[in-house]
Amino acid sequence: MTPNKKTNIAIFVPHAGCPHLCSFCDQKAISGSVKTPSADEVWELLKTQAQSLEERGILAEIAFFGGSFTAIERGYMESLLMIASRAMKKFPVYTGIRCSTRPDCVDEIIVGVLKKYGVTAVELGAQSMSDEVLEANDRGHSAEDVRKAAALIRQSGIELGLQMMTGLYLDTPERCLYTADEFIKLYPKTVRIYPTVILKNTRLGELFTSGEYKSFSFEKTVDLCAVLLRKFTEKGVRVIRLGLHASPDVERNMLGGVYHPALREIVESRIFLEDLKGRLLNMPKGKYLVYTDPKNLSKAIGQKKNNINALAELGYEIEFKPRAGVYIWII
């Protein structure tokens, strides 16, 4: 069977290696994991998953997430990388190794180690390119650290990924847009966008409870993420994640912020609405038939018919119908 889908086999190394406790961070709640996996456990996982992936015709990257991977004890890190490299050689379904880490935990020596074991992608948890926001949220690194680490990764030939958060303490939409613009200058292959979720047992949670900090609203976040998604896409940067994965642990521990298991679809629906409005507002109010590719239909209609209702309020009664290969065709 020829594989036609791709995924990640995520291996969480929770809170391991982090030299700082960031304002928003509770890795146990985010990862749903509290135990650091051994090399043997990782091998058994990869061996088991390889058979399942092959049966389903899916390729996968081995992904080390959760802490600051390149800051964990060197021997332990290399033991995990050795297992991942071995799995790649033995099981054809594994196409690469990726890890996430802090920008200030990357140097020439670390990059050399990653190359030695065949790491194909490194994601930097930059979060913001505003030094004020970074300092206010106890990140312990600067925007310049992000630039230096990104340059080292790209020069090595390893794929660069960047992760940003929106709505952090002292954050503003303008600072988020600045972060996106600065990311684009670093030529990442991929980006993840994580609206802030405020968790219990964090400093951000304390600031939120005291009233000193207020997160962006859901609507404000959707509008902002629509701009960010469009901005990155237009520059050829692939947004591989928008919002935290659905997680009972996050749902149990969240105090506020923006979390929705279908956030990306909501954001893409908002983009479609804005594109359609841009055309309709130059036309007389009334009834229209709008054709779009079948894959766009749910986004076009919107959750709970939000887009249809929003257009009706503007005086446009819209019926959507599928037509392959079409984005927006109004009749």
C-alpha atoms as a PDB file:
ATOM      1  CA  MET A   1       0.000   0.000   0.000  1.00  0.00           C
ATOM      2  CA  THR A   2       1.310   3.447  -0.891  1.00  0.00           C
ATOM      3  CA  PRO A   3       1.040   5.773   2.126  1.00  0.00           C
ATOM      4  CA  ASN A   4      -0.978   8.883   1.357  1.00  0.00           C
ATOM      5  CA  LYS A   5      -1.285  10.473   4.775  1.00  0.00           C
ATOM      6  CA  LYS A   6       1.201  11.889   7.259  1.00  0.00           C
ATOM      7  CA  THR A   7       1.119  12.293  11.012  1.00  0.00           C
ATOM      8  CA  ASN A   8       3.342  12.635  14.071  1.00  0.00           C
ATOM      9  CA  ILE A   9       4.076  10.033  16.708  1.00  0.00           C
ATOM     10  CA  ALA A  10       4.321  12.451  19.621  1.00  0.00           C
ATOM     11  CA  ILE A  11       6.567  11.481  22.513  1.00  0.00           C
ATOM     12  CA  PHE A  12       6.198  13.839  25.478  1.00  0.00           C
ATOM     13  CA  VAL A  13       9.142  14.547  27.731  1.00  0.00           C
ATOM     14  CA  PRO A  14       7.153  16.660  30.222  1.00  0.00           C
ATOM     15  CA  HIS A  15       8.872  19.678  31.711  1.00  0.00           C
ATOM     16  CA  ALA A  16      12.257  18.008  31.322  1.00  0.00           C
ATOM     17  CA  GLY A  17      15.130  20.370  30.673  1.00  0.00           C
ATOM     18  CA  CYS A  18      13.242  23.631  31.094  1.00  0.00           C
ATOM     19  CA  PRO A  19      15.497  26.130  32.888  1.00  0.00           C
ATOM     20  CA  HIS A  20      12.567  28.481  33.510  1.00  0.00           C
ATOM     21  CA  LEU A  21       8.970  28.155  34.677  1.00  0.00           C
ATOM     22  CA  CYS A  22       7.089  30.354  32.239  1.00  0.00           C
ATOM     23  CA  SER A  23       4.030  32.260  33.411  1.00  0.00           C
ATOM     24  CA  PHE A  24       1.628  30.086  31.400  1.00  0.00           C
ATOM     25  CA  CYS A  25       3.230  26.704  31.788  1.00  0.00           C
ATOM     26  CA  ASP A  26       1.839  23.567  33.353  1.00  0.00           C
ATOM     27  CA  GLN A  27       3.264  20.840  31.126  1.00  0.00           C
ATOM     28  CA  LYS A  28       1.472  18.098  33.064  1.00  0.00           C
ATOM     29  CA  ALA A  29      -1.883  19.534  32.058  1.00  0.00           C
ATOM     30  CA  ILE A  30      -0.811  20.365  28.498  1.00  0.00           C
ATOM     31  CA  SER A  31       0.796  17.016  27.671  1.00  0.00           C
ATOM     32  CA  GLY A  32      -1.428  14.824  29.821  1.00  0.00           C
ATOM     33  CA  SER A  33       1.751  13.089  30.882  1.00  0.00           C
ATOM     34  CA  VAL A  34       3.698  13.141  34.136  1.00  0.00           C
ATOM     35  CA  LYS A  35       6.230  10.352  33.566  1.00  0.00           C
ATOM     36  CA  THR A  36       9.460  10.782  31.649  1.00  0.00           C
ATOM     37  CA  PRO A  37       9.676   7.924  29.124  1.00  0.00           C
ATOM     38  CA  SER A  38      12.689   5.615  29.042  1.00  0.00           C
ATOM     39  CA  ALA A  39      14.514   4.767  25.824  1.00  0.00           C
ATOM     40  CA  ASP A  40      13.145   1.206  26.020  1.00  0.00           C
ATOM     41  CA  GLU A  41       9.588   2.496  26.382  1.00  0.00           C
ATOM     42  CA  VAL A  42      10.060   4.768  23.378  1.00  0.00           C
ATOM     43  CA  TRP A  43      11.334   1.838  21.312  1.00  0.00           C
ATOM     44  CA  GLU A  44       8.338  -0.312  22.217  1.00  0.00           C
ATOM     45  CA  LEU A  45       5.987   2.543  21.335  1.00  0.00           C
ATOM     46  CA  LEU A  46       7.630   3.139  17.967  1.00  0.00           C
ATOM     47  CA  LYS A  47       7.698  -0.578  17.165  1.00  0.00           C
ATOM     48  CA  THR A  48       3.998  -0.959  17.975  1.00  0.00           C
ATOM     49  CA  GLN A  49       3.003   2.183  16.102  1.00  0.00           C
ATOM     50  CA  ALA A  50       5.021   1.216  13.034  1.00  0.00           C
ATOM     51  CA  GLN A  51       2.833  -1.832  12.414  1.00  0.00           C
ATOM     52  CA  SER A  52      -0.350   0.207  12.868  1.00  0.00           C
ATOM     53  CA  LEU A  53       0.897   2.966  10.562  1.00  0.00           C
ATOM     54  CA  GLU A  54       1.858   0.481   7.861  1.00  0.00           C
ATOM     55  CA  GLU A  55      -1.550  -1.197   7.993  1.00  0.00           C
ATOM     56  CA  ARG A  56      -3.285   2.173   7.600  1.00  0.00           C
ATOM     57  CA  GLY A  57      -0.938   3.448   4.899  1.00  0.00           C
ATOM     58  CA  ILE A  58       0.318   6.404   6.924  1.00  0.00           C
ATOM     59  CA  LEU A  59       3.791   7.946   7.133  1.00  0.00           C
ATOM     60  CA  ALA A  60       4.920   9.591  10.366  1.00  0.00           C
ATOM     61  CA  GLU A  61       7.573  11.763  11.922  1.00  0.00           C
ATOM     62  CA  ILE A  62       8.880  10.864  15.371  1.00  0.00           C
ATOM     63  CA  ALA A  63       8.278  14.006  17.426  1.00  0.00           C
ATOM     64  CA  PHE A  64       9.742  14.816  20.844  1.00  0.00           C
ATOM     65  CA  PHE A  65       7.552  17.449  22.501  1.00  0.00           C
ATOM     66  CA  GLY A  66       6.764  18.653  25.996  1.00  0.00           C
ATOM     67  CA  GLY A  67       9.856  20.150  27.561  1.00  0.00           C
ATOM     68  CA  SER A  68      12.991  21.742  26.166  1.00  0.00           C
ATOM     69  CA  PHE A  69      14.368  18.720  24.380  1.00  0.00           C
ATOM     70  CA  THR A  70      17.873  20.031  23.765  1.00  0.00           C
ATOM     71  CA  ALA A  71      18.231  21.099  27.403  1.00  0.00           C
ATOM     72  CA  ILE A  72      17.610  17.703  28.975  1.00  0.00           C
ATOM     73  CA  GLU A  73      20.536  15.637  30.274  1.00  0.00           C
ATOM     74  CA  ARG A  74      22.769  14.957  27.257  1.00  0.00           C
ATOM     75  CA  GLY A  75      23.048  11.207  27.735  1.00  0.00           C
ATOM     76  CA  TYR A  76      19.280  10.826  28.048  1.00  0.00           C
ATOM     77  CA  MET A  77      18.653  13.035  25.019  1.00  0.00           C
ATOM     78  CA  GLU A  78      21.079  11.031  22.901  1.00  0.00           C
ATOM     79  CA  SER A  79      19.539   7.748  24.070  1.00  0.00           C
ATOM     80  CA  LEU A  80      16.131   8.926  22.790  1.00  0.00           C
ATOM     81  CA  LEU A  81      17.613  10.169  19.522  1.00  0.00           C
ATOM     82  CA  MET A  82      19.481   6.886  19.063  1.00  0.00           C
ATOM     83  CA  ILE A  83      16.224   4.958  19.424  1.00  0.00           C
ATOM     84  CA  ALA A  84      14.435   7.293  17.004  1.00  0.00           C
ATOM     85  CA  SER A  85      17.259   6.963  14.478  1.00  0.00           C
ATOM     86  CA  ARG A  86      17.169   3.176  14.822  1.00  0.00           C
ATOM     87  CA  ALA A  87      13.394   3.176  14.273  1.00  0.00           C
ATOM     88  CA  MET A  88      13.764   5.268  11.127  1.00  0.00           C
ATOM     89  CA  LYS A  89      16.230   2.767   9.676  1.00  0.00           C
ATOM     90  CA  LYS A  90      14.143  -0.281  10.599  1.00  0.00           C
ATOM     91  CA  PHE A  91      10.627   0.965   9.833  1.00  0.00           C
ATOM     92  CA  PRO A  92      10.087   2.736   6.473  1.00  0.00           C
ATOM     93  CA  VAL A  93       6.913   4.425   7.779  1.00  0.00           C
ATOM     94  CA  TYR A  94       9.080   6.845   9.793  1.00  0.00           C
ATOM     95  CA  THR A  95      10.246   9.690   7.595  1.00  0.00           C
ATOM     96  CA  GLY A  96      11.920  12.030  10.060  1.00  0.00           C
ATOM     97  CA  ILE A  97      12.620  13.146  13.616  1.00  0.00           C
ATOM     98  CA  ARG A  98      11.462  16.479  14.986  1.00  0.00           C
ATOM     99  CA  CYS A  99      11.756  18.086  18.388  1.00  0.00           C
ATOM    100  CA  SER A 100      10.673  21.269  20.107  1.00  0.00           C
ATOM    101  CA  THR A 101      12.957  23.314  22.299  1.00  0.00           C
ATOM    102  CA  ARG A 102      13.767  26.749  23.677  1.00  0.00           C
ATOM    103  CA  PRO A 103      15.666  29.273  21.530  1.00  0.00           C
ATOM    104  CA  ASP A 104      18.338  29.707  24.217  1.00  0.00           C
ATOM    105  CA  CYS A 105      19.024  25.959  24.282  1.00  0.00           C
ATOM    106  CA  VAL A 106      20.409  25.786  20.755  1.00  0.00           C
ATOM    107  CA  ASP A 107      24.074  26.246  19.833  1.00  0.00           C
ATOM    108  CA  GLU A 108      26.565  24.808  17.327  1.00  0.00           C
ATOM    109  CA  ILE A 109      27.291  21.759  19.498  1.00  0.00           C
ATOM    110  CA  ILE A 110      23.608  20.934  19.968  1.00  0.00           C
ATOM    111  CA  VAL A 111      22.915  21.321  16.266  1.00  0.00           C
ATOM    112  CA  GLY A 112      25.808  18.941  15.567  1.00  0.00           C
ATOM    113  CA  VAL A 113      24.293  16.321  17.882  1.00  0.00           C
ATOM    114  CA  LEU A 114      20.884  16.668  16.222  1.00  0.00           C
ATOM    115  CA  LYS A 115      22.423  16.270  12.773  1.00  0.00           C
ATOM    116  CA  LYS A 116      24.363  13.191  13.931  1.00  0.00           C
ATOM    117  CA  TYR A 117      21.145  11.345  14.722  1.00  0.00           C
ATOM    118  CA  GLY A 118      19.256  12.479  11.655  1.00  0.00           C
ATOM    119  CA  VAL A 119      16.914  15.073  13.163  1.00  0.00           C
ATOM    120  CA  THR A 120      15.009  16.614  10.281  1.00  0.00           C
ATOM    121  CA  ALA A 121      13.072  19.461  11.965  1.00  0.00           C
ATOM    122  CA  VAL A 122      13.430  21.636  15.060  1.00  0.00           C
ATOM    123  CA  GLU A 123      10.589  23.796  16.366  1.00  0.00           C
ATOM    124  CA  LEU A 124      11.546  26.759  18.509  1.00  0.00           C
ATOM    125  CA  GLY A 125       9.079  27.787  21.199  1.00  0.00           C
ATOM    126  CA  ALA A 126       9.607  31.477  20.591  1.00  0.00           C
ATOM    127  CA  GLN A 127       6.091  32.530  21.726  1.00  0.00           C
ATOM    128  CA  SER A 128       6.677  36.226  20.994  1.00  0.00           C
ATOM    129  CA  MET A 129       9.223  38.508  19.355  1.00  0.00           C
ATOM    130  CA  SER A 130       8.424  41.302  21.801  1.00  0.00           C
ATOM    131  CA  ASP A 131      11.059  41.438  24.520  1.00  0.00           C
ATOM    132  CA  GLU A 132       8.522  43.115  26.812  1.00  0.00           C
ATOM    133  CA  VAL A 133       6.113  40.208  26.457  1.00  0.00           C
ATOM    134  CA  LEU A 134       8.892  37.636  26.845  1.00  0.00           C
ATOM    135  CA  GLU A 135      10.150  39.247  30.053  1.00  0.00           C
ATOM    136  CA  ALA A 136       6.662  39.712  31.509  1.00  0.00           C
ATOM    137  CA  ASN A 137       5.956  35.998  31.029  1.00  0.00           C
ATOM    138  CA  ASP A 138       9.230  34.735  32.546  1.00  0.00           C
ATOM    139  CA  ARG A 139      10.508  33.253  29.310  1.00  0.00           C
ATOM    140  CA  GLY A 140      14.174  33.814  30.175  1.00  0.00           C
ATOM    141  CA  HIS A 141      15.233  34.467  26.582  1.00  0.00           C
ATOM    142  CA  SER A 142      15.122  37.384  24.164  1.00  0.00           C
ATOM    143  CA  ALA A 143      13.880  37.888  20.624  1.00  0.00           C
ATOM    144  CA  GLU A 144      17.530  38.004  19.550  1.00  0.00           C
ATOM    145  CA  ASP A 145      17.990  34.487  20.962  1.00  0.00           C
ATOM    146  CA  VAL A 146      15.218  33.365  18.611  1.00  0.00           C
ATOM    147  CA  ARG A 147      16.961  34.970  15.628  1.00  0.00           C
ATOM    148  CA  LYS A 148      20.320  33.362  16.464  1.00  0.00           C
ATOM    149  CA  ALA A 149      18.870  29.890  17.060  1.00  0.00           C
ATOM    150  CA  ALA A 150      16.768  30.065  13.896  1.00  0.00           C
ATOM    151  CA  ALA A 151      19.827  30.981  11.844  1.00  0.00           C
ATOM    152  CA  LEU A 152      21.841  28.050  13.246  1.00  0.00           C
ATOM    153  CA  ILE A 153      19.054  25.588  12.490  1.00  0.00           C
ATOM    154  CA  ARG A 154      18.500  26.799   8.949  1.00  0.00           C
ATOM    155  CA  GLN A 155      22.241  26.923   8.171  1.00  0.00           C
ATOM    156  CA  SER A 156      22.533  23.283   9.278  1.00  0.00           C
ATOM    157  CA  GLY A 157      19.928  22.188   6.746  1.00  0.00           C
ATOM    158  CA  ILE A 158      17.455  21.164   9.447  1.00  0.00           C
ATOM    159  CA  GLU A 159      13.881  22.325   8.825  1.00  0.00           C
ATOM    160  CA  LEU A 160      12.925  25.291  11.004  1.00  0.00           C
ATOM    161  CA  GLY A 161       9.581  25.537  12.766  1.00  0.00           C
ATOM    162  CA  LEU A 162       8.463  28.386  15.011  1.00  0.00           C
ATOM    163  CA  GLN A 163       5.761  28.458  17.676  1.00  0.00           C
ATOM    164  CA  MET A 164       3.951  31.605  18.790  1.00  0.00           C
ATOM    165  CA  MET A 165       1.319  32.388  21.402  1.00  0.00           C
ATOM    166  CA  THR A 166      -1.332  35.088  21.294  1.00  0.00           C
ATOM    167  CA  GLY A 167      -2.860  36.910  24.247  1.00  0.00           C
ATOM    168  CA  LEU A 168      -0.050  36.506  26.770  1.00  0.00           C
ATOM    169  CA  TYR A 169       0.383  38.893  29.725  1.00  0.00           C
ATOM    170  CA  LEU A 170       1.096  42.403  28.314  1.00  0.00           C
ATOM    171  CA  ASP A 171       0.453  41.141  24.789  1.00  0.00           C
ATOM    172  CA  THR A 172      -1.500  43.133  22.206  1.00  0.00           C
ATOM    173  CA  PRO A 173      -2.763  42.268  18.701  1.00  0.00           C
ATOM    174  CA  GLU A 174      -0.145  44.679  17.316  1.00  0.00           C
ATOM    175  CA  ARG A 175       2.626  42.786  19.108  1.00  0.00           C
ATOM    176  CA  CYS A 176       1.274  39.506  17.731  1.00  0.00           C
ATOM    177  CA  LEU A 177       1.346  40.871  14.193  1.00  0.00           C
ATOM    178  CA  TYR A 178       4.896  42.122  14.795  1.00  0.00           C
ATOM    179  CA  THR A 179       5.844  38.617  15.943  1.00  0.00           C
ATOM    180  CA  ALA A 180       4.407  37.152  12.733  1.00  0.00           C
ATOM    181  CA  ASP A 181       6.334  39.649  10.594  1.00  0.00           C
ATOM    182  CA  GLU A 182       9.568  38.867  12.468  1.00  0.00           C
ATOM    183  CA  PHE A 183       8.926  35.127  12.101  1.00  0.00           C
ATOM    184  CA  ILE A 184       8.543  35.496   8.338  1.00  0.00           C
ATOM    185  CA  LYS A 185      11.961  37.187   8.182  1.00  0.00           C
ATOM    186  CA  LEU A 186      13.480  34.020   9.677  1.00  0.00           C
ATOM    187  CA  TYR A 187      12.159  31.852   6.812  1.00  0.00           C
ATOM    188  CA  PRO A 188      10.537  29.052   8.822  1.00  0.00           C
ATOM    189  CA  LYS A 189       9.036  26.098   6.982  1.00  0.00           C
ATOM    190  CA  THR A 190       6.248  25.749   9.543  1.00  0.00           C
ATOM    191  CA  VAL A 191       4.521  27.708  12.308  1.00  0.00           C
ATOM    192  CA  ARG A 192       2.212  26.744  15.162  1.00  0.00           C
ATOM    193  CA  ILE A 193      -0.145  29.357  16.617  1.00  0.00           C
ATOM    194  CA  TYR A 194      -1.336  28.824  20.178  1.00  0.00           C
ATOM    195  CA  PRO A 195      -3.839  31.252  21.690  1.00  0.00           C
ATOM    196  CA  THR A 196      -3.108  31.441  25.402  1.00  0.00           C
ATOM    197  CA  VAL A 197      -4.999  29.068  27.661  1.00  0.00           C
ATOM    198  CA  ILE A 198      -4.860  30.150  31.311  1.00  0.00           C
ATOM    199  CA  LEU A 199      -4.227  27.162  33.558  1.00  0.00           C
ATOM    200  CA  LYS A 200      -4.486  26.603  37.285  1.00  0.00           C
ATOM    201  CA  ASN A 201      -1.228  26.451  39.245  1.00  0.00           C
ATOM    202  CA  THR A 202       0.524  28.980  36.993  1.00  0.00           C
ATOM    203  CA  ARG A 203       1.575  32.585  37.532  1.00  0.00           C
ATOM    204  CA  LEU A 204      -0.682  33.580  34.670  1.00  0.00           C
ATOM    205  CA  GLY A 205      -3.543  31.915  36.516  1.00  0.00           C
ATOM    206  CA  GLU A 206      -2.763  33.977  39.599  1.00  0.00           C
ATOM    207  CA  LEU A 207      -2.634  37.200  37.574  1.00  0.00           C
ATOM    208  CA  PHE A 208      -5.935  36.291  35.909  1.00  0.00           C
ATOM    209  CA  THR A 209      -7.627  35.465  39.218  1.00  0.00           C
ATOM    210  CA  SER A 210      -6.454  38.741  40.768  1.00  0.00           C
ATOM    211  CA  GLY A 211      -7.772  40.715  37.792  1.00  0.00           C
ATOM    212  CA  GLU A 212      -4.368  42.074  36.817  1.00  0.00           C
ATOM    213  CA  TYR A 213      -4.386  40.142  33.546  1.00  0.00           C
ATOM    214  CA  LYS A 214      -7.176  39.742  31.027  1.00  0.00           C
ATOM    215  CA  SER A 215      -6.890  37.423  28.064  1.00  0.00           C
ATOM    216  CA  PHE A 216      -8.000  38.279  24.536  1.00  0.00           C
ATOM    217  CA  SER A 217     -11.674  37.468  23.977  1.00  0.00           C
ATOM    218  CA  PHE A 218     -12.666  34.549  21.775  1.00  0.00           C
ATOM    219  CA  GLU A 219     -13.902  36.834  18.975  1.00  0.00           C
ATOM    220  CA  LYS A 220     -10.798  39.006  19.146  1.00  0.00           C
ATOM    221  CA  THR A 221      -8.635  35.906  18.963  1.00  0.00           C
ATOM    222  CA  VAL A 222     -10.498  34.497  15.970  1.00  0.00           C
ATOM    223  CA  ASP A 223     -10.146  37.795  14.112  1.00  0.00           C
ATOM    224  CA  LEU A 224      -6.440  37.992  14.968  1.00  0.00           C
ATOM    225  CA  CYS A 225      -5.733  34.384  14.035  1.00  0.00           C
ATOM    226  CA  ALA A 226      -7.508  34.897  10.712  1.00  0.00           C
ATOM    227  CA  VAL A 227      -5.064  37.695   9.919  1.00  0.00           C
ATOM    228  CA  LEU A 228      -2.103  35.614  11.105  1.00  0.00           C
ATOM    229  CA  LEU A 229      -3.154  32.533   9.129  1.00  0.00           C
ATOM    230  CA  ARG A 230      -3.609  34.590   5.968  1.00  0.00           C
ATOM    231  CA  LYS A 231      -0.288  36.393   6.511  1.00  0.00           C
ATOM    232  CA  PHE A 232       1.743  33.209   6.944  1.00  0.00           C
ATOM    233  CA  THR A 233      -0.005  31.382   4.109  1.00  0.00           C
ATOM    234  CA  GLU A 234       0.606  34.222   1.672  1.00  0.00           C
ATOM    235  CA  LYS A 235       4.325  34.046   2.481  1.00  0.00           C
ATOM    236  CA  GLY A 236       4.459  30.283   1.927  1.00  0.00           C
ATOM    237  CA  VAL A 237       4.782  29.391   5.620  1.00  0.00           C
ATOM    238  CA  ARG A 238       2.691  26.352   6.527  1.00  0.00           C
ATOM    239  CA  VAL A 239       0.623  26.719   9.709  1.00  0.00           C
ATOM    240  CA  ILE A 240       0.624  23.145  10.987  1.00  0.00           C
ATOM    241  CA  ARG A 241      -1.340  23.816  14.164  1.00  0.00           C
ATOM    242  CA  LEU A 242      -3.761  26.470  15.341  1.00  0.00           C
ATOM    243  CA  GLY A 243      -4.841  26.036  18.967  1.00  0.00           C
ATOM    244  CA  LEU A 244      -4.060  23.371  21.543  1.00  0.00           C
ATOM    245  CA  HIS A 245      -5.054  19.784  20.850  1.00  0.00           C
ATOM    246  CA  ALA A 246      -8.315  18.688  22.432  1.00  0.00           C
ATOM    247  CA  SER A 247      -7.419  17.525  25.931  1.00  0.00           C
ATOM    248  CA  PRO A 248      -9.499  16.610  28.993  1.00  0.00           C
ATOM    249  CA  ASP A 249      -6.547  17.663  31.172  1.00  0.00           C
ATOM    250  CA  VAL A 250      -6.537  21.169  29.705  1.00  0.00           C
ATOM    251  CA  GLU A 251     -10.313  21.407  30.011  1.00  0.00           C
ATOM    252  CA  ARG A 252     -10.164  20.401  33.682  1.00  0.00           C
ATOM    253  CA  ASN A 253      -7.371  22.824  34.536  1.00  0.00           C
ATOM    254  CA  MET A 254      -8.213  25.909  32.484  1.00  0.00           C
ATOM    255  CA  LEU A 255      -9.339  29.118  34.154  1.00  0.00           C
ATOM    256  CA  GLY A 256      -9.786  31.181  31.020  1.00  0.00           C
ATOM    257  CA  GLY A 257      -8.214  32.132  27.726  1.00  0.00           C
ATOM    258  CA  VAL A 258      -9.125  30.759  24.321  1.00  0.00           C
ATOM    259  CA  TYR A 259      -9.569  27.038  23.779  1.00  0.00           C
ATOM    260  CA  HIS A 260     -11.757  25.263  21.253  1.00  0.00           C
ATOM    261  CA  PRO A 261     -11.176  21.835  19.681  1.00  0.00           C
ATOM    262  CA  ALA A 262     -12.278  23.189  16.276  1.00  0.00           C
ATOM    263  CA  LEU A 263     -10.521  26.554  16.477  1.00  0.00           C
ATOM    264  CA  ARG A 264      -8.767  26.252  13.128  1.00  0.00           C
ATOM    265  CA  GLU A 265     -12.005  25.536  11.264  1.00  0.00           C
ATOM    266  CA  ILE A 266     -13.627  28.530  12.979  1.00  0.00           C
ATOM    267  CA  VAL A 267     -10.718  30.747  11.901  1.00  0.00           C
ATOM    268  CA  GLU A 268     -10.779  29.431   8.330  1.00  0.00           C
ATOM    269  CA  SER A 269     -14.535  30.005   8.288  1.00  0.00           C
ATOM    270  CA  ARG A 270     -13.944  33.623   9.319  1.00  0.00           C
ATOM    271  CA  ILE A 271     -11.463  34.052   6.462  1.00  0.00           C
ATOM    272  CA  PHE A 272     -14.007  32.651   3.996  1.00  0.00           C
ATOM    273  CA  LEU A 273     -16.668  35.022   5.357  1.00  0.00           C
ATOM    274  CA  GLU A 274     -14.391  38.036   4.931  1.00  0.00           C
ATOM    275  CA  ASP A 275     -13.501  36.992   1.378  1.00  0.00           C
ATOM    276  CA  LEU A 276     -17.150  36.515   0.457  1.00  0.00           C
ATOM    277  CA  LYS A 277     -18.206  39.788   2.072  1.00  0.00           C
ATOM    278  CA  GLY A 278     -15.492  41.552   0.085  1.00  0.00           C
ATOM    279  CA  ARG A 279     -17.292  40.523  -3.097  1.00  0.00           C
ATOM    280  CA  LEU A 280     -20.906  40.763  -1.965  1.00  0.00           C
ATOM    281  CA  LEU A 281     -20.651  44.280  -0.580  1.00  0.00           C
ATOM    282  CA  ASN A 282     -20.029  45.518  -4.127  1.00  0.00           C
ATOM    283  CA  MET A 283     -23.298  43.888  -5.236  1.00  0.00           C
ATOM    284  CA  PRO A 284     -26.957  44.768  -4.539  1.00  0.00           C
ATOM    285  CA  LYS A 285     -28.521  43.175  -1.489  1.00  0.00           C
ATOM    286  CA  GLY A 286     -30.671  40.137  -2.213  1.00  0.00           C
ATOM    287  CA  LYS A 287     -30.582  36.390  -2.828  1.00  0.00           C
ATOM    288  CA  TYR A 288     -27.472  34.743  -4.244  1.00  0.00           C
ATOM    289  CA  LEU A 289     -26.218  31.260  -4.992  1.00  0.00           C
ATOM    290  CA  VAL A 290     -22.573  30.736  -4.055  1.00  0.00           C
ATOM    291  CA  TYR A 291     -20.599  27.784  -5.392  1.00  0.00           C
ATOM    292  CA  THR A 292     -17.501  26.549  -3.589  1.00  0.00           C
ATOM    293  CA  ASP A 293     -15.411  23.389  -3.544  1.00  0.00           C
ATOM    294  CA  PRO A 294     -16.984  20.629  -1.426  1.00  0.00           C
ATOM    295  CA  LYS A 295     -14.047  20.776   0.992  1.00  0.00           C
ATOM    296  CA  ASN A 296     -14.985  24.394   1.765  1.00  0.00           C
ATOM    297  CA  LEU A 297     -18.698  23.871   2.397  1.00  0.00           C
ATOM    298  CA  SER A 298     -18.593  23.568   6.182  1.00  0.00           C
ATOM    299  CA  LYS A 299     -16.288  26.592   6.420  1.00  0.00           C
ATOM    300  CA  ALA A 300     -18.539  28.542   4.064  1.00  0.00           C
ATOM    301  CA  ILE A 301     -21.661  27.851   6.093  1.00  0.00           C
ATOM    302  CA  GLY A 302     -19.913  28.328   9.444  1.00  0.00           C
ATOM    303  CA  GLN A 303     -20.571  26.625  12.763  1.00  0.00           C
ATOM    304  CA  LYS A 304     -24.284  26.771  13.564  1.00  0.00           C
ATOM    305  CA  LYS A 305     -24.710  28.595  10.207  1.00  0.00           C
ATOM    306  CA  ASN A 306     -22.854  31.615  11.589  1.00  0.00           C
ATOM    307  CA  ASN A 307     -21.713  32.827   8.175  1.00  0.00           C
ATOM    308  CA  ILE A 308     -25.173  32.491   6.641  1.00  0.00           C
ATOM    309  CA  ASN A 309     -26.671  34.412   9.561  1.00  0.00           C
ATOM    310  CA  ALA A 310     -23.983  37.125   9.469  1.00  0.00           C
ATOM    311  CA  LEU A 311     -24.596  37.695   5.752  1.00  0.00           C
ATOM    312  CA  ALA A 312     -28.369  37.729   6.275  1.00  0.00           C
ATOM    313  CA  GLU A 313     -27.931  40.580   8.754  1.00  0.00           C
ATOM    314  CA  LEU A 314     -26.186  42.509   5.985  1.00  0.00           C
ATOM    315  CA  GLY A 315     -29.102  41.872   3.612  1.00  0.00           C
ATOM    316  CA  TYR A 316     -27.684  38.937   1.656  1.00  0.00           C
ATOM    317  CA  GLU A 317     -29.599  35.656   1.555  1.00  0.00           C
ATOM    318  CA  ILE A 318     -27.056  33.049   0.549  1.00  0.00           C
ATOM    319  CA  GLU A 319     -27.402  29.428  -0.533  1.00  0.00           C
ATOM    320  CA  PHE A 320     -24.178  27.436  -0.854  1.00  0.00           C
ATOM    321  CA  LYS A 321     -23.698  24.631  -3.344  1.00  0.00           C
ATOM    322  CA  PRO A 322     -20.641  22.450  -4.068  1.00  0.00           C
ATOM    323  CA  ARG A 323     -18.576  22.727  -7.238  1.00  0.00           C
ATOM    324  CA  ALA A 324     -15.137  21.113  -7.476  1.00  0.00           C
ATOM    325  CA  GLY A 325     -12.174  23.431  -7.903  1.00  0.00           C
ATOM    326  CA  VAL A 326     -14.092  26.632  -7.107  1.00  0.00           C
ATOM    327  CA  TYR A 327     -13.369  28.914  -4.152  1.00  0.00           C
ATOM    328  CA  ILE A 328     -16.122  31.540  -4.515  1.00  0.00           C
ATOM    329  CA  TRP A 329     -18.416  31.792  -7.544  1.00  0.00           C
ATOM    330  CA  ILE A 330     -21.459  33.977  -7.048  1.00  0.00           C
ATOM    331  CA  ILE A 331     -24.597  33.686  -9.173  1.00  0.00           C
END
